[in-house]
Structures are given as C-alpha cells and as structure tokens.
N, C-alpha and C. Protein backbone atom coordinates (compact mmCIF):
# COMPACT_ATOMS: atom_id res chain seq x y z
N MET A 1 5.75 2.95 11.07
CA MET A 1 6.08 1.55 9.56
C MET A 1 6.31 0.89 10.62
N THR A 2 7.04 0.58 12.19
CA THR A 2 7.44 -0.91 12.74
C THR A 2 5.84 -1.53 12.37
N SER A 3 5.12 -0.12 13.38
CA SER A 3 3.72 -0.92 13.24
C SER A 3 3.53 -1.58 12.14
N ILE A 4 2.94 -0.98 10.84
CA ILE A 4 2.86 -1.66 9.58
C ILE A 4 3.38 -2.79 9.04
N PHE A 5 5.42 -2.92 9.66
CA PHE A 5 5.04 -4.32 9.23
C PHE A 5 4.84 -4.89 10.05
N ARG A 6 4.67 -4.87 11.62
CA ARG A 6 5.04 -5.87 12.31
C ARG A 6 3.14 -6.54 12.06
N LEU A 7 2.46 -5.59 11.42
CA LEU A 7 0.21 -6.19 11.19
C LEU A 7 0.77 -6.73 10.04
N ALA A 8 1.87 -6.41 8.81
CA ALA A 8 1.38 -6.85 7.53
C ALA A 8 2.27 -8.52 8.04
N GLY A 9 3.55 -8.81 8.60
CA GLY A 9 4.31 -9.73 9.17
C GLY A 9 2.23 -10.84 9.79
N VAL A 10 1.96 -10.62 10.23
CA VAL A 10 1.03 -11.35 10.80
C VAL A 10 0.28 -10.92 10.47
N LEU A 11 -0.27 -10.66 8.81
CA LEU A 11 -1.31 -11.05 8.34
C LEU A 11 -0.47 -12.07 6.98
N ALA A 12 0.69 -12.23 7.08
CA ALA A 12 1.11 -13.49 6.08
C ALA A 12 1.26 -14.23 7.07
N PHE A 13 1.76 -14.17 7.84
CA PHE A 13 2.01 -15.85 8.28
C PHE A 13 0.02 -16.57 8.46
N ALA A 14 -0.78 -15.58 9.04
CA ALA A 14 -1.57 -16.03 8.91
C ALA A 14 -2.30 -16.78 7.25
N LEU A 15 -2.29 -15.97 7.39
CA LEU A 15 -2.67 -16.49 5.17
C LEU A 15 -2.15 -17.20 4.77
N ALA A 16 -0.56 -17.51 5.47
CA ALA A 16 0.81 -18.22 4.94
C ALA A 16 0.68 -19.06 5.56
N PRO A 17 0.04 -20.69 6.31
CA PRO A 17 0.56 -21.66 7.12
C PRO A 17 1.77 -22.20 6.69
N THR A 18 2.36 -21.94 5.86
CA THR A 18 3.03 -23.22 5.23
C THR A 18 4.52 -23.14 5.71
N SER A 19 4.01 -21.30 5.69
CA SER A 19 5.85 -20.89 5.66
C SER A 19 5.99 -19.83 6.86
N ALA A 20 7.02 -20.18 6.97
CA ALA A 20 7.60 -19.37 8.28
C ALA A 20 7.95 -17.72 7.92
N LEU A 21 7.63 -17.04 9.01
CA LEU A 21 7.40 -15.63 8.39
C LEU A 21 8.56 -15.66 9.79
N ALA A 22 9.97 -14.59 9.93
CA ALA A 22 10.11 -13.63 11.15
C ALA A 22 10.04 -13.09 10.90
N GLN A 23 10.22 -11.56 12.26
CA GLN A 23 10.65 -10.17 12.13
C GLN A 23 11.39 -10.29 13.56
N GLY A 24 12.34 -9.20 13.21
CA GLY A 24 13.14 -8.30 14.10
C GLY A 24 14.66 -9.11 13.20
N LYS A 25 14.79 -9.44 14.48
CA LYS A 25 16.61 -10.00 14.09
C LYS A 25 16.61 -11.86 13.61
N ILE A 26 16.88 -11.99 12.72
CA ILE A 26 17.05 -13.18 12.02
C ILE A 26 19.05 -13.71 11.16
N ARG A 27 18.85 -14.82 11.17
CA ARG A 27 19.90 -15.26 10.56
C ARG A 27 19.92 -15.72 8.89
N SER A 28 20.12 -15.44 8.35
CA SER A 28 20.36 -16.26 6.78
C SER A 28 21.45 -16.22 6.21
N THR A 29 21.52 -17.40 5.78
CA THR A 29 22.81 -18.23 5.24
C THR A 29 23.11 -17.88 3.77
N GLY A 30 24.34 -17.24 2.68
CA GLY A 30 24.60 -15.33 1.99
C GLY A 30 24.89 -16.81 0.85
N SER A 31 25.03 -16.48 -0.37
CA SER A 31 25.01 -17.37 -1.59
C SER A 31 26.44 -17.96 -1.01
N ASN A 32 27.09 -17.63 -0.93
CA ASN A 32 28.37 -17.74 -0.44
C ASN A 32 28.41 -19.31 0.63
N GLY A 33 27.92 -19.46 1.25
CA GLY A 33 27.42 -20.34 2.37
C GLY A 33 28.00 -19.97 3.98
N THR A 34 27.95 -18.72 4.39
CA THR A 34 28.39 -17.84 5.17
C THR A 34 27.26 -17.43 5.86
N THR A 35 26.70 -17.15 7.64
CA THR A 35 25.22 -16.67 8.04
C THR A 35 25.70 -15.16 8.49
N VAL A 36 24.43 -14.81 7.47
CA VAL A 36 24.66 -13.21 7.66
C VAL A 36 22.98 -12.31 8.54
N GLY A 37 23.66 -12.18 9.43
CA GLY A 37 22.30 -11.17 10.75
C GLY A 37 21.51 -10.49 9.25
N LEU A 38 20.35 -10.14 9.25
CA LEU A 38 19.43 -9.82 9.56
C LEU A 38 18.35 -8.84 10.18
N SER A 39 18.34 -7.67 10.05
CA SER A 39 17.44 -6.79 11.17
C SER A 39 15.76 -6.54 9.52
N GLY A 40 14.63 -7.43 10.48
CA GLY A 40 13.19 -6.16 9.29
C GLY A 40 13.05 -7.96 9.56
N LEU A 41 12.48 -8.14 8.41
CA LEU A 41 11.54 -9.36 8.02
C LEU A 41 11.52 -9.95 6.41
N ALA A 42 11.34 -11.27 7.04
CA ALA A 42 11.82 -11.85 6.48
C ALA A 42 10.42 -13.07 6.36
N TYR A 43 11.09 -13.78 4.58
CA TYR A 43 10.02 -14.72 4.59
C TYR A 43 10.71 -16.11 4.21
N GLY A 44 9.74 -17.42 4.35
CA GLY A 44 10.70 -18.82 3.67
C GLY A 44 9.87 -19.94 4.39
N ALA A 45 9.90 -20.73 3.31
CA ALA A 45 8.98 -22.25 3.74
C ALA A 45 9.99 -22.59 4.58
N GLU A 46 9.14 -23.97 5.13
CA GLU A 46 9.71 -24.00 6.69
C GLU A 46 10.64 -25.01 6.37
N GLY A 47 12.17 -24.65 7.40
CA GLY A 47 13.28 -25.21 7.08
C GLY A 47 13.77 -24.53 6.16
N ASP A 48 13.10 -24.13 5.15
CA ASP A 48 14.59 -23.21 4.24
C ASP A 48 15.58 -22.08 4.50
N THR A 49 16.20 -21.72 3.92
CA THR A 49 16.43 -20.64 4.41
C THR A 49 15.71 -19.13 4.61
N ALA A 50 15.71 -18.14 5.18
CA ALA A 50 14.76 -17.37 5.10
C ALA A 50 14.68 -16.07 4.24
N THR A 51 14.13 -15.73 3.74
CA THR A 51 14.67 -14.27 2.51
C THR A 51 13.92 -13.13 3.00
N PRO A 52 14.28 -12.41 3.11
CA PRO A 52 14.93 -11.05 3.59
C PRO A 52 13.85 -10.24 2.70
N VAL A 53 12.76 -9.48 3.43
CA VAL A 53 11.70 -8.83 2.32
C VAL A 53 12.16 -7.71 2.10
N THR A 54 12.89 -6.63 0.06
CA THR A 54 13.42 -6.26 0.20
C THR A 54 12.47 -5.26 -0.96
N GLN A 55 12.64 -4.82 -2.11
CA GLN A 55 11.90 -4.39 -2.98
C GLN A 55 11.56 -5.23 -4.10
N GLN A 56 13.48 -5.72 -4.56
CA GLN A 56 13.91 -7.09 -4.66
C GLN A 56 13.05 -8.00 -4.75
N THR A 57 12.05 -8.24 -3.10
CA THR A 57 11.48 -9.32 -2.76
C THR A 57 10.68 -9.47 -1.80
N PRO A 58 9.80 -9.36 -2.56
CA PRO A 58 8.28 -8.56 -1.67
C PRO A 58 7.32 -9.68 -1.22
N LEU A 59 6.91 -9.27 -0.31
CA LEU A 59 5.94 -10.51 0.20
C LEU A 59 5.52 -11.34 -0.50
N PRO A 60 5.42 -12.39 -1.17
CA PRO A 60 5.02 -13.01 -1.85
C PRO A 60 2.92 -13.38 -1.17
N THR A 61 2.03 -12.06 -1.58
CA THR A 61 1.07 -12.43 -1.71
C THR A 61 0.28 -12.92 -2.89
N THR A 62 -1.14 -13.32 -3.09
CA THR A 62 -1.87 -14.19 -4.74
C THR A 62 -2.98 -12.33 -4.23
N ALA A 63 -3.11 -11.86 -5.26
CA ALA A 63 -4.87 -10.76 -5.03
C ALA A 63 -5.82 -11.53 -6.31
N GLY A 64 -6.65 -12.02 -5.74
CA GLY A 64 -7.66 -11.74 -6.76
C GLY A 64 -9.01 -11.72 -6.06
N PRO A 65 -10.01 -11.94 -6.87
CA PRO A 65 -11.34 -11.13 -6.80
C PRO A 65 -11.78 -11.30 -5.99
N LEU A 66 -12.75 -10.58 -5.29
CA LEU A 66 -13.60 -11.12 -3.46
C LEU A 66 -14.33 -11.74 -4.08
N PRO A 67 -15.49 -12.85 -3.29
CA PRO A 67 -16.86 -13.58 -3.40
C PRO A 67 -17.83 -12.86 -3.62
N PRO A 68 -18.81 -12.94 -4.25
CA PRO A 68 -19.80 -12.17 -4.73
C PRO A 68 -20.58 -11.74 -2.73
N ALA A 69 -20.54 -10.25 -2.59
CA ALA A 69 -21.79 -10.32 -1.42
C ALA A 69 -21.93 -11.14 -1.61
N ALA A 70 -22.57 -10.90 0.03
CA ALA A 70 -23.67 -11.55 0.49
C ALA A 70 -25.03 -10.95 0.61
N SER A 71 -25.27 -9.84 0.52
CA SER A 71 -26.37 -8.59 1.03
C SER A 71 -26.30 -8.58 -0.41
N VAL A 72 -28.47 -8.15 0.02
CA VAL A 72 -29.20 -7.98 -1.45
C VAL A 72 -29.41 -6.63 -1.61
N ALA A 73 -28.46 -6.78 -3.24
CA ALA A 73 -28.87 -4.88 -3.36
C ALA A 73 -29.73 -4.63 -4.32
N LEU A 74 -30.29 -3.59 -4.31
CA LEU A 74 -31.71 -2.67 -3.90
C LEU A 74 -31.48 -1.96 -5.23
N SER A 75 -32.86 -1.68 -5.95
CA SER A 75 -32.24 -0.86 -7.08
C SER A 75 -34.16 -0.24 -7.62
N GLY A 76 -34.49 0.03 -8.20
CA GLY A 76 -35.57 0.81 -8.86
C GLY A 76 -35.27 2.39 -9.49
N ALA A 77 -36.49 2.83 -9.24
CA ALA A 77 -36.66 4.33 -10.36
C ALA A 77 -37.78 5.48 -9.42
N VAL A 78 -37.56 6.62 -9.06
CA VAL A 78 -37.99 7.94 -8.63
C VAL A 78 -38.71 8.48 -9.79
N THR A 79 -40.12 8.43 -9.36
CA THR A 79 -40.43 10.49 -10.60
C THR A 79 -40.58 11.84 -9.61
N THR A 80 -41.03 11.70 -9.38
CA THR A 80 -41.73 13.11 -8.44
C THR A 80 -41.68 12.35 -7.24
N GLY A 81 -41.64 13.74 -6.23
CA GLY A 81 -41.77 13.11 -4.91
C GLY A 81 -40.65 12.40 -3.82
N THR A 82 -40.88 12.41 -2.66
CA THR A 82 -40.03 11.84 -1.98
C THR A 82 -39.98 10.22 -1.62
N THR A 83 -38.63 9.58 -1.55
CA THR A 83 -39.58 8.07 -1.29
C THR A 83 -38.06 7.91 -0.38
N VAL A 84 -38.07 6.96 0.58
CA VAL A 84 -37.48 5.60 1.43
C VAL A 84 -36.99 5.20 0.58
N VAL A 85 -35.21 4.51 0.87
CA VAL A 85 -34.51 3.42 -0.05
C VAL A 85 -33.98 2.61 0.82
N GLY A 86 -34.69 1.54 1.10
CA GLY A 86 -34.10 0.59 2.40
C GLY A 86 -34.96 -0.35 2.92
N PRO A 87 -34.97 -0.98 3.99
CA PRO A 87 -33.20 -0.92 4.77
C PRO A 87 -32.69 -1.93 4.01
N PHE A 88 -30.83 -1.66 4.08
CA PHE A 88 -29.67 -2.44 2.98
C PHE A 88 -29.47 -2.55 3.43
N ALA A 89 -29.41 -3.82 4.55
CA ALA A 89 -27.64 -4.59 5.33
C ALA A 89 -27.25 -5.35 4.65
N PRO A 90 -26.01 -4.42 4.71
CA PRO A 90 -25.11 -4.74 4.34
C PRO A 90 -24.45 -5.93 5.12
N GLN A 91 -23.44 -6.17 3.96
CA GLN A 91 -21.76 -6.91 4.85
C GLN A 91 -20.99 -6.35 4.93
N LEU A 92 -20.35 -6.50 6.35
CA LEU A 92 -19.07 -5.43 6.96
C LEU A 92 -18.04 -5.61 6.22
N GLY A 93 -17.95 -4.77 6.02
CA GLY A 93 -16.19 -4.41 5.30
C GLY A 93 -15.72 -4.72 4.14
N ARG A 94 -17.77 -3.91 3.35
CA ARG A 94 -17.02 -3.97 1.68
C ARG A 94 -17.98 -2.70 1.53
N GLY A 95 -17.23 -2.08 0.81
CA GLY A 95 -17.84 -0.51 0.27
C GLY A 95 -19.22 -0.95 0.17
N ILE A 96 -20.15 0.32 -0.12
CA ILE A 96 -21.95 -0.04 -0.97
C ILE A 96 -21.22 1.48 -1.59
N ARG A 97 -21.53 0.34 -2.98
CA ARG A 97 -21.59 1.17 -4.08
C ARG A 97 -22.91 2.43 -3.73
N VAL A 98 -23.77 3.80 -4.69
CA VAL A 98 -24.86 4.74 -4.53
C VAL A 98 -24.74 3.94 -6.48
N ILE A 99 -25.39 4.06 -7.32
CA ILE A 99 -25.34 4.15 -8.12
C ILE A 99 -26.72 4.66 -9.00
N LEU A 100 -26.27 6.53 -9.35
CA LEU A 100 -27.51 7.28 -9.94
C LEU A 100 -27.49 7.87 -10.92
N ARG A 101 -28.38 7.58 -11.66
CA ARG A 101 -28.43 8.03 -13.30
C ARG A 101 -29.36 8.83 -13.79
N GLY A 102 -30.19 8.75 -14.62
CA GLY A 102 -31.20 9.83 -15.18
C GLY A 102 -31.11 10.68 -15.66
N THR A 103 -32.36 11.49 -16.13
CA THR A 103 -32.46 13.17 -16.50
C THR A 103 -33.67 13.23 -14.90
N TRP A 104 -32.87 14.33 -14.16
CA TRP A 104 -33.45 14.21 -13.26
C TRP A 104 -33.19 16.24 -11.79
N ALA A 105 -34.19 15.52 -11.57
CA ALA A 105 -33.52 17.37 -10.03
C ALA A 105 -33.88 17.05 -8.65
N GLY A 106 -32.97 17.02 -8.40
CA GLY A 106 -33.94 16.56 -6.36
C GLY A 106 -32.44 16.49 -5.84
N THR A 107 -32.37 15.30 -4.47
CA THR A 107 -30.84 15.42 -3.85
C THR A 107 -31.69 13.52 -3.40
N PHE A 108 -30.57 13.19 -3.36
CA PHE A 108 -31.09 11.73 -2.60
C PHE A 108 -29.30 11.95 -1.92
N ALA A 109 -29.86 11.45 -0.26
CA ALA A 109 -29.00 11.60 0.60
C ALA A 109 -28.71 9.97 1.25
N VAL A 110 -28.09 9.09 1.01
CA VAL A 110 -27.52 8.51 2.42
C VAL A 110 -27.50 8.17 3.35
N GLY A 111 -27.74 7.50 4.64
CA GLY A 111 -27.58 7.65 5.90
C GLY A 111 -27.68 6.19 6.70
N THR A 112 -27.76 6.19 7.72
CA THR A 112 -27.61 4.33 8.16
C THR A 112 -28.76 4.48 9.57
N SER A 113 -29.54 3.32 9.51
CA SER A 113 -30.42 3.56 10.97
C SER A 113 -30.17 2.25 11.87
N VAL A 114 -31.04 1.71 12.48
CA VAL A 114 -30.63 0.97 14.02
C VAL A 114 -32.28 0.70 14.33
N ASP A 115 -33.56 1.21 13.09
CA ASP A 115 -34.84 0.60 13.51
C ASP A 115 -35.21 1.29 12.15
N ALA A 116 -34.40 0.04 10.67
CA ALA A 116 -34.84 -0.39 9.83
C ALA A 116 -35.76 0.43 9.26
N CYS A 117 -34.77 2.57 9.05
CA CYS A 117 -35.03 3.31 8.54
C CYS A 117 -36.56 4.11 9.18
N ALA A 118 -36.80 3.90 10.00
CA ALA A 118 -37.76 4.49 10.26
C ALA A 118 -37.29 5.78 11.35
N THR A 119 -36.17 5.71 11.52
CA THR A 119 -34.54 7.37 11.56
C THR A 119 -34.04 6.69 11.00
N ILE A 120 -33.62 8.22 9.91
CA ILE A 120 -32.48 8.21 9.19
C ILE A 120 -31.44 8.94 10.09
N ASN A 121 -29.32 8.38 9.74
CA ASN A 121 -28.61 9.71 10.65
C ASN A 121 -28.28 10.04 9.77
N PRO A 122 -27.89 10.55 8.69
CA PRO A 122 -26.98 11.36 7.90
C PRO A 122 -25.73 10.67 8.12
N LEU A 123 -24.99 10.05 6.88
CA LEU A 123 -23.42 10.19 6.90
C LEU A 123 -23.04 11.47 6.52
N THR A 124 -21.82 11.60 7.63
CA THR A 124 -21.21 12.52 7.74
C THR A 124 -19.41 12.35 8.02
N ILE A 125 -18.76 13.70 7.39
CA ILE A 125 -17.59 13.27 7.39
C ILE A 125 -15.93 14.71 7.90
N GLY A 126 -16.29 14.59 9.23
CA GLY A 126 -15.21 15.35 9.78
C GLY A 126 -17.01 16.93 9.96
N GLY A 127 -18.17 16.24 10.06
CA GLY A 127 -18.93 16.65 10.66
C GLY A 127 -20.03 17.51 9.43
N MET A 128 -19.01 17.33 8.06
CA MET A 128 -19.32 17.29 7.27
C MET A 128 -20.73 16.55 7.06
N THR A 129 -21.68 16.31 5.70
CA THR A 129 -22.86 15.49 4.63
C THR A 129 -21.68 15.51 3.74
N TRP A 130 -22.10 13.98 3.63
CA TRP A 130 -20.97 12.64 3.16
C TRP A 130 -22.39 12.03 2.55
N GLY A 131 -22.11 11.77 1.14
CA GLY A 131 -22.70 10.43 0.78
C GLY A 131 -24.37 11.64 -0.19
N SER A 132 -24.51 12.70 -0.13
CA SER A 132 -25.32 12.91 -0.83
C SER A 132 -25.05 13.53 -1.90
N PHE A 133 -26.38 13.39 -2.70
CA PHE A 133 -25.74 13.81 -4.11
C PHE A 133 -27.38 14.48 -5.05
N THR A 134 -26.48 15.12 -6.25
CA THR A 134 -27.94 16.35 -7.10
C THR A 134 -27.90 15.64 -8.13
N GLY A 135 -27.07 15.33 -8.13
CA GLY A 135 -26.16 14.75 -9.94
C GLY A 135 -26.12 12.63 -9.98
N SER A 136 -26.10 12.57 -11.81
CA SER A 136 -26.19 10.86 -11.38
C SER A 136 -24.37 10.81 -10.82
N ALA A 137 -24.46 9.52 -10.83
CA ALA A 137 -22.77 9.20 -9.78
C ALA A 137 -22.59 7.72 -10.12
N ASN A 138 -22.16 7.29 -9.50
CA ASN A 138 -21.29 5.96 -9.14
C ASN A 138 -20.20 6.27 -7.87
N GLU A 139 -20.21 6.31 -7.04
CA GLU A 139 -19.55 5.82 -5.70
C GLU A 139 -19.71 5.48 -4.39
N ILE A 140 -18.51 4.42 -3.72
CA ILE A 140 -18.28 3.94 -2.97
C ILE A 140 -18.57 5.07 -2.29
N VAL A 141 -19.74 5.29 -1.10
CA VAL A 141 -20.44 5.98 0.08
C VAL A 141 -19.76 5.68 1.34
N ASP A 142 -19.54 4.32 2.01
CA ASP A 142 -19.24 3.95 3.46
C ASP A 142 -18.93 2.47 3.10
N ILE A 143 -17.80 2.06 3.95
CA ILE A 143 -17.12 0.65 4.20
C ILE A 143 -18.09 0.32 5.40
N PRO A 144 -19.43 -0.73 5.58
CA PRO A 144 -19.72 -0.64 7.12
C PRO A 144 -18.57 -1.14 7.74
N THR A 145 -18.70 -1.24 9.21
CA THR A 145 -18.30 -2.40 10.53
C THR A 145 -18.67 -2.75 11.27
N LEU A 146 -20.31 -1.31 11.82
CA LEU A 146 -20.95 -1.89 13.07
C LEU A 146 -21.89 -3.45 12.88
N ALA A 147 -22.08 -4.25 12.83
CA ALA A 147 -23.73 -5.46 13.07
C ALA A 147 -24.80 -4.13 14.09
N GLY A 148 -25.90 -4.26 12.72
CA GLY A 148 -27.47 -3.90 13.61
C GLY A 148 -27.55 -2.63 12.78
N VAL A 149 -26.36 -1.84 12.22
CA VAL A 149 -26.64 -0.83 10.66
C VAL A 149 -27.40 -1.02 9.41
N VAL A 150 -28.58 -0.77 9.08
CA VAL A 150 -28.19 -1.07 7.93
C VAL A 150 -28.56 1.05 7.49
N TYR A 151 -28.66 0.68 5.73
CA TYR A 151 -28.09 2.04 5.46
C TYR A 151 -29.39 1.90 4.49
N CYS A 152 -29.37 3.26 5.03
CA CYS A 152 -31.28 3.88 3.71
C CYS A 152 -30.82 5.20 3.11
N ALA A 153 -32.13 5.72 1.88
CA ALA A 153 -32.27 6.29 1.18
C ALA A 153 -32.66 7.15 1.51
N THR A 154 -32.71 8.41 1.15
CA THR A 154 -34.08 9.14 0.97
C THR A 154 -33.73 9.83 -0.27
N ALA A 155 -34.77 9.68 -1.57
CA ALA A 155 -34.70 10.54 -2.92
C ALA A 155 -35.55 11.10 -2.75
N THR A 156 -35.64 12.37 -3.12
CA THR A 156 -36.43 13.72 -3.58
C THR A 156 -36.19 13.86 -4.60
N VAL A 157 -36.87 14.29 -5.89
CA VAL A 157 -37.23 14.25 -6.45
C VAL A 157 -38.55 15.00 -6.82
N SER A 158 -37.62 16.74 -7.35
CA SER A 158 -38.84 17.52 -8.18
C SER A 158 -39.13 18.00 -9.94
N SER A 159 -38.06 16.83 -10.59
CA SER A 159 -38.36 16.56 -11.98
C SER A 159 -37.52 15.38 -12.65
N GLY A 160 -37.90 15.21 -13.68
CA GLY A 160 -37.30 13.89 -13.70
C GLY A 160 -38.02 13.30 -14.05
N SER A 161 -36.62 11.60 -13.71
CA SER A 161 -36.53 10.21 -13.59
C SER A 161 -35.66 9.43 -13.23
N LEU A 162 -35.41 9.67 -11.70
CA LEU A 162 -34.20 8.65 -11.09
C LEU A 162 -34.28 7.46 -11.26
N SER A 163 -33.34 6.61 -11.56
CA SER A 163 -32.41 5.67 -10.88
C SER A 163 -31.98 5.16 -10.32
N TYR A 164 -31.75 4.28 -9.37
CA TYR A 164 -31.14 4.20 -8.47
C TYR A 164 -30.82 2.24 -8.00
N GLY A 165 -29.48 2.80 -8.09
CA GLY A 165 -28.84 1.32 -6.93
C GLY A 165 -28.15 1.98 -5.98
N VAL A 166 -28.41 0.34 -5.18
CA VAL A 166 -27.49 0.75 -3.86
C VAL A 166 -26.38 -1.20 -3.58
N ARG A 167 -25.58 -0.78 -4.05
CA ARG A 167 -24.82 -2.61 -3.85
C ARG A 167 -23.47 -2.71 -3.12
N GLN A 168 -23.22 -3.84 -2.86
CA GLN A 168 -21.60 -3.71 -2.59
C GLN A 168 -20.75 -4.74 -3.83
C-alpha cells in the first residue's frame, strides 16, 4: 500500500509542478496556530501550509477525456470465407476495442504480429485464448505496451455477414 501512495505522490508532483508534495513525516500548522506532525502524504501550493491526504481532502486531480487516438481504425465486412484483418498499428497504452455486429456464424480472433500479419500469434491470458469471438461484441481486447507489434484478426465466416471495427 505504501508503494501505491509513493507512486501517487510521484505522479501528482510530476503533473502539478506548481504544488509542493511531501511524503513521510511532515509538519503542518493546525487551525489554532500550533504545529502538528503528520505521517503520510500531503500537498499544497509552494509556501502554503501542507494539506494531509484524507478522505475529506483527497489529492486534487483533474479527469478529462483523452485526445483522439493517433492510430488509424480498421473497419469492413466479411460475408463468407476467411479474411485477415490488419495490420492495426496501435498507439501504446490505449485499449484496443473490437466491435462486431451483424447476423453471422463463425469466429473473429484477434492476435499480434511482428511481420505485418504474415504470422499471427493468438492473444492469450493464463495460457487460455483471449480475444476470440463467435458473436456480436463490443470489447477492449488488449492494451498494447510493446513498440513494433501490430494487431491482426482472422475472420472466418461460414454464413451471414459480419461487420467489424478495430479501433482505439
């Protein structure tokens, strides 16, 4: 738990350079003018009294929407047969969403590749296949962290029509 607070302190300090952030034993002036010893995480503007992080005074953060992804989305339709979709070059650190719709039978399996989809490695988690669908879906399948790795999908449709989208 201490590591989480340490990480939060580092992140908050990096994101708010005009504020002072302290961790560990610090001193704060109480409402009656006395000096109070604190143990934990605190924040405040430079030169001001430190405010301890509590449920009543959490770290100040600003949530906002992410800017549009730099990656180029893939979309299309498959009727019958097998089609390789990709390569999809993702922006690192952002979830990859797969959207599948239509009336179809078959599979849509997402994988990774380092050779522009000539070889596709299946997504797995704990040794089990992940990111393989047999019906309509709207899910994040992975959050990429390795540069040079692209995402590909194999769409095998035995009947009907599948519309797909792979995007961030």
